[in-house]
Amino acid sequence: MNTPIRLHIENQVAYISLNRPEVFNSFNREMALLLQEVLKKCAEDNQVRAIHLTGEGKAFCAGQDLKEVTDPALNPGFKAILEEHYNPIVKLLREIPKPIVAAVNGVAAGAGANIALACDIVVASENAAFIQAFSKIGLIPDSAGTFFLPRLIGFQRASALMMLGDKVMAKEAETLGMIYKAVPAEEFENNTKTLAEKLAKMPTKALALTKQALNESLTNNLENQLALESKLQIASAATADYKEGVTAFVEKRKPNFKGE
């Protein structure tokens, strides 16, 4: 079926693909709204314990489809594009209590780059590139790029990349700390799927609480963060997975986590 978002679930991993390869998976309104629907579905599905997000074809995502914003009959306006498209997507990526792997298979530009960086773990093919392309058309970075990128690579580098619009290849992105790692193209698909399946077999409630702690650390002071860690550690210690993890350690066997 010709749909801008593809979804299939396998081994408790939701595999989501941006599917507009003819325009390098650039976002139009249909794709943005459908991605939100699919993410919400994955959040609510108890059979899904991890999410793998990638792009079809040669690109991960080239950002906004400029044909949409330059066609008066299609253009939803920047207010709608930000408040109804990208901002809800970024919020979902951070709020979904499941680990999300961004498998960046090719170029990730503009909003596409920043949506990838909002995911929990970013793995890129060595052929992939990240571009803060906004300044090239007279815009500022959106999709939380000005929030996450300085925290990942530092203020100076983020400022330069956003103002100059330089292309950052995957290996350099790894060196800068922008992404988790870059892998050879021939190993990319297997590597990212293996990673997502590994996360799906882990104690996913503890991973969700880890994600919550990281989210709140972005605005908390030390005292508040320590209090939050105490609260969340007590919650994780009450899970069946904690009991299984400790029992497996004592019995010197591999734990069988169920996300409970």
C-alpha atoms as a PDB file:
ATOM      1  CA  MET A   1       0.000   0.000   0.000  1.00  0.00           C
ATOM      2  CA  ASN A   2       1.281   3.458  -0.941  1.00  0.00           C
ATOM      3  CA  THR A   3       1.378   5.156   2.443  1.00  0.00           C
ATOM      4  CA  PRO A   4       3.802   7.870   3.623  1.00  0.00           C
ATOM      5  CA  ILE A   5       4.439   5.930   6.851  1.00  0.00           C
ATOM      6  CA  ARG A   6       5.067   2.206   6.954  1.00  0.00           C
ATOM      7  CA  LEU A   7       4.712   0.152  10.128  1.00  0.00           C
ATOM      8  CA  HIS A   8       5.327  -3.478  10.910  1.00  0.00           C
ATOM      9  CA  ILE A   9       5.857  -5.135  14.275  1.00  0.00           C
ATOM     10  CA  GLU A  10       8.316  -7.982  14.715  1.00  0.00           C
ATOM     11  CA  ASN A  11       9.991  -9.426  17.821  1.00  0.00           C
ATOM     12  CA  GLN A  12       8.283  -6.726  19.942  1.00  0.00           C
ATOM     13  CA  VAL A  13       9.884  -3.968  17.877  1.00  0.00           C
ATOM     14  CA  ALA A  14       7.779  -1.472  15.918  1.00  0.00           C
ATOM     15  CA  TYR A  15       9.578  -0.765  12.655  1.00  0.00           C
ATOM     16  CA  ILE A  16       8.464   2.641  11.375  1.00  0.00           C
ATOM     17  CA  SER A  17       9.638   3.900   7.989  1.00  0.00           C
ATOM     18  CA  LEU A  18       9.216   7.356   6.484  1.00  0.00           C
ATOM     19  CA  ASN A  19       8.012   6.439   3.006  1.00  0.00           C
ATOM     20  CA  ARG A  20       8.244   9.278   0.508  1.00  0.00           C
ATOM     21  CA  PRO A  21      11.551   8.253  -1.099  1.00  0.00           C
ATOM     22  CA  GLU A  22      10.834  10.188  -4.304  1.00  0.00           C
ATOM     23  CA  VAL A  23      11.260  13.431  -2.283  1.00  0.00           C
ATOM     24  CA  PHE A  24      13.872  12.075   0.146  1.00  0.00           C
ATOM     25  CA  ASN A  25      11.175  11.454   2.771  1.00  0.00           C
ATOM     26  CA  SER A  26      10.500  15.148   3.226  1.00  0.00           C
ATOM     27  CA  PHE A  27       7.485  15.940   5.380  1.00  0.00           C
ATOM     28  CA  ASN A  28       4.143  17.086   4.111  1.00  0.00           C
ATOM     29  CA  ARG A  29       1.075  17.452   6.305  1.00  0.00           C
ATOM     30  CA  GLU A  30      -0.196  13.944   5.556  1.00  0.00           C
ATOM     31  CA  MET A  31       3.070  12.285   6.551  1.00  0.00           C
ATOM     32  CA  ALA A  32       3.499  14.398   9.701  1.00  0.00           C
ATOM     33  CA  LEU A  33       0.003  13.662  10.986  1.00  0.00           C
ATOM     34  CA  LEU A  34       0.237   9.969  10.117  1.00  0.00           C
ATOM     35  CA  LEU A  35       3.571   9.629  11.914  1.00  0.00           C
ATOM     36  CA  GLN A  36       1.912  11.017  15.047  1.00  0.00           C
ATOM     37  CA  GLU A  37      -0.894   8.459  14.743  1.00  0.00           C
ATOM     38  CA  VAL A  38       1.573   5.599  14.322  1.00  0.00           C
ATOM     39  CA  LEU A  39       3.718   6.730  17.255  1.00  0.00           C
ATOM     40  CA  LYS A  40       0.638   6.947  19.483  1.00  0.00           C
ATOM     41  CA  LYS A  41      -0.400   3.463  18.389  1.00  0.00           C
ATOM     42  CA  CYS A  42       3.048   2.113  19.265  1.00  0.00           C
ATOM     43  CA  ALA A  43       2.953   3.849  22.637  1.00  0.00           C
ATOM     44  CA  GLU A  44      -0.347   2.159  23.509  1.00  0.00           C
ATOM     45  CA  ASP A  45       0.494  -1.308  22.134  1.00  0.00           C
ATOM     46  CA  ASN A  46       1.728  -3.546  24.953  1.00  0.00           C
ATOM     47  CA  GLN A  47       3.322  -5.853  22.398  1.00  0.00           C
ATOM     48  CA  VAL A  48       5.694  -3.066  21.356  1.00  0.00           C
ATOM     49  CA  ARG A  49       8.704  -2.683  23.644  1.00  0.00           C
ATOM     50  CA  ALA A  50      11.015  -0.700  21.355  1.00  0.00           C
ATOM     51  CA  ILE A  51      10.689   1.473  18.253  1.00  0.00           C
ATOM     52  CA  HIS A  52      12.975   1.597  15.187  1.00  0.00           C
ATOM     53  CA  LEU A  53      12.566   4.717  13.018  1.00  0.00           C
ATOM     54  CA  THR A  54      14.186   4.956   9.593  1.00  0.00           C
ATOM     55  CA  GLY A  55      13.642   6.215   6.044  1.00  0.00           C
ATOM     56  CA  GLU A  56      12.952   4.390   2.799  1.00  0.00           C
ATOM     57  CA  GLY A  57      15.331   4.802  -0.115  1.00  0.00           C
ATOM     58  CA  LYS A  58      18.472   6.913  -0.060  1.00  0.00           C
ATOM     59  CA  ALA A  59      17.516   9.436   2.636  1.00  0.00           C
ATOM     60  CA  PHE A  60      16.375   9.422   6.237  1.00  0.00           C
ATOM     61  CA  CYS A  61      14.462  12.693   5.907  1.00  0.00           C
ATOM     62  CA  ALA A  62      15.177  15.911   4.035  1.00  0.00           C
ATOM     63  CA  GLY A  63      12.991  18.000   6.350  1.00  0.00           C
ATOM     64  CA  GLN A  64       9.994  20.000   5.149  1.00  0.00           C
ATOM     65  CA  ASP A  65       8.660  19.436   1.638  1.00  0.00           C
ATOM     66  CA  LEU A  66       9.187  22.898   0.179  1.00  0.00           C
ATOM     67  CA  LYS A  67       6.737  22.216  -2.632  1.00  0.00           C
ATOM     68  CA  GLU A  68       4.006  22.137  -0.007  1.00  0.00           C
ATOM     69  CA  VAL A  69       4.918  25.510   1.513  1.00  0.00           C
ATOM     70  CA  THR A  70       5.316  27.195  -1.886  1.00  0.00           C
ATOM     71  CA  ASP A  71       1.956  25.995  -3.218  1.00  0.00           C
ATOM     72  CA  PRO A  72      -0.835  28.304  -1.961  1.00  0.00           C
ATOM     73  CA  ALA A  73      -3.352  25.480  -2.317  1.00  0.00           C
ATOM     74  CA  LEU A  74      -1.324  23.135  -0.080  1.00  0.00           C
ATOM     75  CA  ASN A  75       0.567  25.404   2.310  1.00  0.00           C
ATOM     76  CA  PRO A  76      -0.797  24.957   5.861  1.00  0.00           C
ATOM     77  CA  GLY A  77       1.287  27.906   7.119  1.00  0.00           C
ATOM     78  CA  PHE A  78       4.279  27.889   9.444  1.00  0.00           C
ATOM     79  CA  LYS A  79       2.164  28.102  12.593  1.00  0.00           C
ATOM     80  CA  ALA A  80       0.395  24.862  11.690  1.00  0.00           C
ATOM     81  CA  ILE A  81       3.584  23.211  10.440  1.00  0.00           C
ATOM     82  CA  LEU A  82       5.292  23.823  13.774  1.00  0.00           C
ATOM     83  CA  GLU A  83       2.428  23.489  16.237  1.00  0.00           C
ATOM     84  CA  GLU A  84       0.565  20.661  14.480  1.00  0.00           C
ATOM     85  CA  HIS A  85       3.360  18.782  12.698  1.00  0.00           C
ATOM     86  CA  TYR A  86       6.851  18.938  14.172  1.00  0.00           C
ATOM     87  CA  ASN A  87       6.339  19.981  17.785  1.00  0.00           C
ATOM     88  CA  PRO A  88       3.903  17.115  18.506  1.00  0.00           C
ATOM     89  CA  ILE A  89       6.263  14.624  16.826  1.00  0.00           C
ATOM     90  CA  VAL A  90       9.213  15.715  18.975  1.00  0.00           C
ATOM     91  CA  LYS A  91       7.097  15.622  22.137  1.00  0.00           C
ATOM     92  CA  LEU A  92       5.910  12.104  21.312  1.00  0.00           C
ATOM     93  CA  LEU A  93       9.459  10.890  20.695  1.00  0.00           C
ATOM     94  CA  ARG A  94      10.480  12.136  24.142  1.00  0.00           C
ATOM     95  CA  GLU A  95       7.300  11.160  26.021  1.00  0.00           C
ATOM     96  CA  ILE A  96       6.731   7.626  24.699  1.00  0.00           C
ATOM     97  CA  PRO A  97       7.852   5.334  27.566  1.00  0.00           C
ATOM     98  CA  LYS A  98       9.755   3.040  25.226  1.00  0.00           C
ATOM     99  CA  PRO A  99      13.258   3.281  23.746  1.00  0.00           C
ATOM    100  CA  ILE A 100      13.384   4.721  20.234  1.00  0.00           C
ATOM    101  CA  VAL A 101      16.254   4.041  17.844  1.00  0.00           C
ATOM    102  CA  ALA A 102      16.738   6.470  14.961  1.00  0.00           C
ATOM    103  CA  ALA A 103      18.323   4.444  12.171  1.00  0.00           C
ATOM    104  CA  VAL A 104      19.657   7.212   9.934  1.00  0.00           C
ATOM    105  CA  ASN A 105      20.183   5.520   6.592  1.00  0.00           C
ATOM    106  CA  GLY A 106      20.997   8.604   4.545  1.00  0.00           C
ATOM    107  CA  VAL A 107      20.832  12.381   4.624  1.00  0.00           C
ATOM    108  CA  ALA A 108      18.996  13.906   7.589  1.00  0.00           C
ATOM    109  CA  ALA A 109      18.455  17.590   6.923  1.00  0.00           C
ATOM    110  CA  GLY A 110      16.533  20.363   8.631  1.00  0.00           C
ATOM    111  CA  ALA A 111      13.634  19.015  10.654  1.00  0.00           C
ATOM    112  CA  GLY A 112      14.703  15.530   9.598  1.00  0.00           C
ATOM    113  CA  ALA A 113      18.029  15.919  11.385  1.00  0.00           C
ATOM    114  CA  ASN A 114      16.448  17.307  14.533  1.00  0.00           C
ATOM    115  CA  ILE A 115      13.746  14.639  14.697  1.00  0.00           C
ATOM    116  CA  ALA A 116      16.510  12.026  14.568  1.00  0.00           C
ATOM    117  CA  LEU A 117      18.406  13.778  17.382  1.00  0.00           C
ATOM    118  CA  ALA A 118      15.272  13.772  19.538  1.00  0.00           C
ATOM    119  CA  CYS A 119      15.296   9.957  19.595  1.00  0.00           C
ATOM    120  CA  ASP A 120      16.910   7.981  22.417  1.00  0.00           C
ATOM    121  CA  ILE A 121      19.699   6.329  20.428  1.00  0.00           C
ATOM    122  CA  VAL A 122      20.879   7.483  17.000  1.00  0.00           C
ATOM    123  CA  VAL A 123      22.817   5.106  14.761  1.00  0.00           C
ATOM    124  CA  ALA A 124      23.798   6.236  11.279  1.00  0.00           C
ATOM    125  CA  SER A 125      25.187   4.615   8.180  1.00  0.00           C
ATOM    126  CA  GLU A 126      28.662   5.939   7.411  1.00  0.00           C
ATOM    127  CA  ASN A 127      27.166   7.308   4.173  1.00  0.00           C
ATOM    128  CA  ALA A 128      24.628   9.407   6.087  1.00  0.00           C
ATOM    129  CA  ALA A 129      24.959  13.127   6.731  1.00  0.00           C
ATOM    130  CA  PHE A 130      23.345  15.626   9.103  1.00  0.00           C
ATOM    131  CA  ILE A 131      22.631  19.171   7.900  1.00  0.00           C
ATOM    132  CA  GLN A 132      21.114  22.107   9.772  1.00  0.00           C
ATOM    133  CA  ALA A 133      19.834  23.413   6.467  1.00  0.00           C
ATOM    134  CA  PHE A 134      17.571  26.177   7.760  1.00  0.00           C
ATOM    135  CA  SER A 135      19.898  29.154   7.278  1.00  0.00           C
ATOM    136  CA  LYS A 136      20.232  28.289   3.592  1.00  0.00           C
ATOM    137  CA  ILE A 137      16.626  29.366   3.045  1.00  0.00           C
ATOM    138  CA  GLY A 138      16.418  32.126   5.647  1.00  0.00           C
ATOM    139  CA  LEU A 139      14.872  30.181   8.525  1.00  0.00           C
ATOM    140  CA  ILE A 140      15.876  29.251  12.057  1.00  0.00           C
ATOM    141  CA  PRO A 141      16.249  25.645  13.274  1.00  0.00           C
ATOM    142  CA  ASP A 142      13.063  24.077  14.586  1.00  0.00           C
ATOM    143  CA  SER A 143      11.929  20.632  15.801  1.00  0.00           C
ATOM    144  CA  ALA A 144      13.859  21.239  19.049  1.00  0.00           C
ATOM    145  CA  GLY A 145      17.176  21.529  17.247  1.00  0.00           C
ATOM    146  CA  THR A 146      18.138  24.598  19.282  1.00  0.00           C
ATOM    147  CA  PHE A 147      17.335  22.605  22.430  1.00  0.00           C
ATOM    148  CA  PHE A 148      19.072  19.284  21.795  1.00  0.00           C
ATOM    149  CA  LEU A 149      22.040  20.067  19.528  1.00  0.00           C
ATOM    150  CA  PRO A 150      23.858  22.479  21.919  1.00  0.00           C
ATOM    151  CA  ARG A 151      23.422  19.936  24.708  1.00  0.00           C
ATOM    152  CA  LEU A 152      24.861  17.173  22.538  1.00  0.00           C
ATOM    153  CA  ILE A 153      27.882  18.906  21.007  1.00  0.00           C
ATOM    154  CA  GLY A 154      28.293  22.216  22.848  1.00  0.00           C
ATOM    155  CA  PHE A 155      27.149  25.781  22.211  1.00  0.00           C
ATOM    156  CA  GLN A 156      29.935  26.856  19.832  1.00  0.00           C
ATOM    157  CA  ARG A 157      29.732  23.888  17.490  1.00  0.00           C
ATOM    158  CA  ALA A 158      25.933  23.970  17.459  1.00  0.00           C
ATOM    159  CA  SER A 159      25.969  27.693  16.716  1.00  0.00           C
ATOM    160  CA  ALA A 160      28.394  27.245  13.826  1.00  0.00           C
ATOM    161  CA  LEU A 161      26.547  24.306  12.296  1.00  0.00           C
ATOM    162  CA  MET A 162      23.220  26.113  12.506  1.00  0.00           C
ATOM    163  CA  MET A 163      24.498  29.382  11.068  1.00  0.00           C
ATOM    164  CA  LEU A 164      26.752  27.913   8.365  1.00  0.00           C
ATOM    165  CA  GLY A 165      24.623  24.924   7.441  1.00  0.00           C
ATOM    166  CA  ASP A 166      27.664  22.662   7.106  1.00  0.00           C
ATOM    167  CA  LYS A 167      27.214  19.004   6.234  1.00  0.00           C
ATOM    168  CA  VAL A 168      28.350  16.646   9.005  1.00  0.00           C
ATOM    169  CA  MET A 169      29.075  13.114   7.882  1.00  0.00           C
ATOM    170  CA  ALA A 170      28.107  10.268  10.212  1.00  0.00           C
ATOM    171  CA  LYS A 171      31.628   9.472  11.421  1.00  0.00           C
ATOM    172  CA  GLU A 172      32.218  13.109  12.369  1.00  0.00           C
ATOM    173  CA  ALA A 173      28.792  13.215  14.051  1.00  0.00           C
ATOM    174  CA  GLU A 174      29.893  10.260  16.176  1.00  0.00           C
ATOM    175  CA  THR A 175      33.169  11.970  17.086  1.00  0.00           C
ATOM    176  CA  LEU A 176      31.315  15.155  18.053  1.00  0.00           C
ATOM    177  CA  GLY A 177      28.924  13.215  20.292  1.00  0.00           C
ATOM    178  CA  MET A 178      25.953  14.133  18.117  1.00  0.00           C
ATOM    179  CA  ILE A 179      25.008  10.473  17.628  1.00  0.00           C
ATOM    180  CA  TYR A 180      25.669   7.161  19.362  1.00  0.00           C
ATOM    181  CA  LYS A 181      27.654   5.627  16.515  1.00  0.00           C
ATOM    182  CA  ALA A 182      28.249   5.362  12.781  1.00  0.00           C
ATOM    183  CA  VAL A 183      28.438   1.937  11.175  1.00  0.00           C
ATOM    184  CA  PRO A 184      29.523   0.691   7.724  1.00  0.00           C
ATOM    185  CA  ALA A 185      26.700   0.832   5.197  1.00  0.00           C
ATOM    186  CA  GLU A 186      26.747  -2.910   4.617  1.00  0.00           C
ATOM    187  CA  GLU A 187      26.263  -3.544   8.349  1.00  0.00           C
ATOM    188  CA  PHE A 188      23.758  -0.767   8.987  1.00  0.00           C
ATOM    189  CA  GLU A 189      20.417  -2.544   8.624  1.00  0.00           C
ATOM    190  CA  ASN A 190      21.419  -5.596  10.641  1.00  0.00           C
ATOM    191  CA  ASN A 191      23.141  -3.457  13.288  1.00  0.00           C
ATOM    192  CA  THR A 192      20.157  -1.183  13.933  1.00  0.00           C
ATOM    193  CA  LYS A 193      17.629  -4.033  13.961  1.00  0.00           C
ATOM    194  CA  THR A 194      19.793  -6.018  16.367  1.00  0.00           C
ATOM    195  CA  LEU A 195      20.034  -2.970  18.633  1.00  0.00           C
ATOM    196  CA  ALA A 196      16.266  -2.420  18.622  1.00  0.00           C
ATOM    197  CA  GLU A 197      15.606  -6.089  19.364  1.00  0.00           C
ATOM    198  CA  LYS A 198      18.146  -5.989  22.201  1.00  0.00           C
ATOM    199  CA  LEU A 199      16.323  -3.027  23.753  1.00  0.00           C
ATOM    200  CA  ALA A 200      12.985  -4.844  23.392  1.00  0.00           C
ATOM    201  CA  LYS A 201      14.340  -7.715  25.498  1.00  0.00           C
ATOM    202  CA  MET A 202      15.601  -5.455  28.265  1.00  0.00           C
ATOM    203  CA  PRO A 203      13.669  -4.295  31.384  1.00  0.00           C
ATOM    204  CA  THR A 204      11.602  -1.789  29.442  1.00  0.00           C
ATOM    205  CA  LYS A 205       9.904  -0.221  32.476  1.00  0.00           C
ATOM    206  CA  ALA A 206      13.330   0.686  33.844  1.00  0.00           C
ATOM    207  CA  LEU A 207      14.299   2.049  30.417  1.00  0.00           C
ATOM    208  CA  ALA A 208      11.149   4.182  30.409  1.00  0.00           C
ATOM    209  CA  LEU A 209      12.010   5.567  33.848  1.00  0.00           C
ATOM    210  CA  THR A 210      15.579   6.226  32.660  1.00  0.00           C
ATOM    211  CA  LYS A 211      14.132   8.184  29.747  1.00  0.00           C
ATOM    212  CA  GLN A 212      11.951  10.180  32.149  1.00  0.00           C
ATOM    213  CA  ALA A 213      14.968  10.971  34.331  1.00  0.00           C
ATOM    214  CA  LEU A 214      16.973  12.144  31.326  1.00  0.00           C
ATOM    215  CA  ASN A 215      14.097  14.314  30.097  1.00  0.00           C
ATOM    216  CA  GLU A 216      13.740  16.052  33.448  1.00  0.00           C
ATOM    217  CA  SER A 217      17.506  16.432  33.864  1.00  0.00           C
ATOM    218  CA  LEU A 218      17.426  18.939  31.018  1.00  0.00           C
ATOM    219  CA  THR A 219      15.696  21.482  33.260  1.00  0.00           C
ATOM    220  CA  ASN A 220      16.214  20.239  36.848  1.00  0.00           C
ATOM    221  CA  ASN A 221      18.775  21.495  39.323  1.00  0.00           C
ATOM    222  CA  LEU A 222      20.896  18.956  41.218  1.00  0.00           C
ATOM    223  CA  GLU A 223      18.632  18.795  44.253  1.00  0.00           C
ATOM    224  CA  ASN A 224      15.526  18.171  42.168  1.00  0.00           C
ATOM    225  CA  GLN A 225      17.293  15.576  40.048  1.00  0.00           C
ATOM    226  CA  LEU A 226      18.488  13.637  43.085  1.00  0.00           C
ATOM    227  CA  ALA A 227      14.943  13.614  44.446  1.00  0.00           C
ATOM    228  CA  LEU A 228      13.645  12.401  41.094  1.00  0.00           C
ATOM    229  CA  GLU A 229      16.254   9.621  40.958  1.00  0.00           C
ATOM    230  CA  SER A 230      15.151   8.430  44.380  1.00  0.00           C
ATOM    231  CA  LYS A 231      11.504   8.378  43.316  1.00  0.00           C
ATOM    232  CA  LEU A 232      12.188   6.559  40.058  1.00  0.00           C
ATOM    233  CA  GLN A 233      14.646   4.095  41.578  1.00  0.00           C
ATOM    234  CA  ILE A 234      12.024   3.072  44.142  1.00  0.00           C
ATOM    235  CA  ALA A 235       9.530   2.616  41.306  1.00  0.00           C
ATOM    236  CA  SER A 236      11.936   0.484  39.258  1.00  0.00           C
ATOM    237  CA  ALA A 237      12.782  -1.643  42.308  1.00  0.00           C
ATOM    238  CA  ALA A 238       9.090  -2.528  42.566  1.00  0.00           C
ATOM    239  CA  THR A 239       8.973  -4.090  39.088  1.00  0.00           C
ATOM    240  CA  ALA A 240       8.947  -7.797  38.283  1.00  0.00           C
ATOM    241  CA  ASP A 241      11.926  -7.201  35.990  1.00  0.00           C
ATOM    242  CA  TYR A 242      14.056  -5.981  38.897  1.00  0.00           C
ATOM    243  CA  LYS A 243      13.246  -9.155  40.825  1.00  0.00           C
ATOM    244  CA  GLU A 244      14.061 -11.249  37.762  1.00  0.00           C
ATOM    245  CA  GLY A 245      17.321  -9.372  37.155  1.00  0.00           C
ATOM    246  CA  VAL A 246      18.566  -9.891  40.706  1.00  0.00           C
ATOM    247  CA  THR A 247      17.465 -13.537  40.752  1.00  0.00           C
ATOM    248  CA  ALA A 248      19.191 -14.208  37.434  1.00  0.00           C
ATOM    249  CA  PHE A 249      22.383 -12.533  38.679  1.00  0.00           C
ATOM    250  CA  VAL A 250      22.425 -14.686  41.831  1.00  0.00           C
ATOM    251  CA  GLU A 251      21.666 -17.825  39.836  1.00  0.00           C
ATOM    252  CA  LYS A 252      24.298 -16.895  37.230  1.00  0.00           C
ATOM    253  CA  ARG A 253      21.921 -17.124  34.284  1.00  0.00           C
ATOM    254  CA  LYS A 254      20.621 -14.789  31.600  1.00  0.00           C
ATOM    255  CA  PRO A 255      17.579 -12.809  32.801  1.00  0.00           C
ATOM    256  CA  ASN A 256      14.228 -13.156  31.066  1.00  0.00           C
ATOM    257  CA  PHE A 257      12.791  -9.653  31.216  1.00  0.00           C
ATOM    258  CA  LYS A 258       9.135  -9.175  30.307  1.00  0.00           C
ATOM    259  CA  GLY A 259       8.736  -5.432  30.658  1.00  0.00           C
ATOM    260  CA  GLU A 260       6.701  -5.810  33.834  1.00  0.00           C
END
